[in-house]
């Protein structure tokens, strides 16, 4: 209630109260990237474990970025409010 009173008073006085900043989830920021067109991209799992046993083709495929499933996009974008 106190905050709403402050907001009402500040509007009348012409003082702007900034919105609070949103924090980026650092774990998600390391794992996902948002492209310029807005697509959320991810890497494949299993990239660093037992990689020397795999063929050269399989190793190259681990370096590719893949689009995230549609079901997960909204959840991940909430973790990355500024498009990390």
Foldseek 3Di string as FASTA:
>chain_A
DVVVVVVVVCVVVVHDDDDDDDDADVVLVVAWAADPVGFIKGFDPPLPPPPVVDDPVVNVNRPDIDTDDPVCSVVSCSNVVPGD
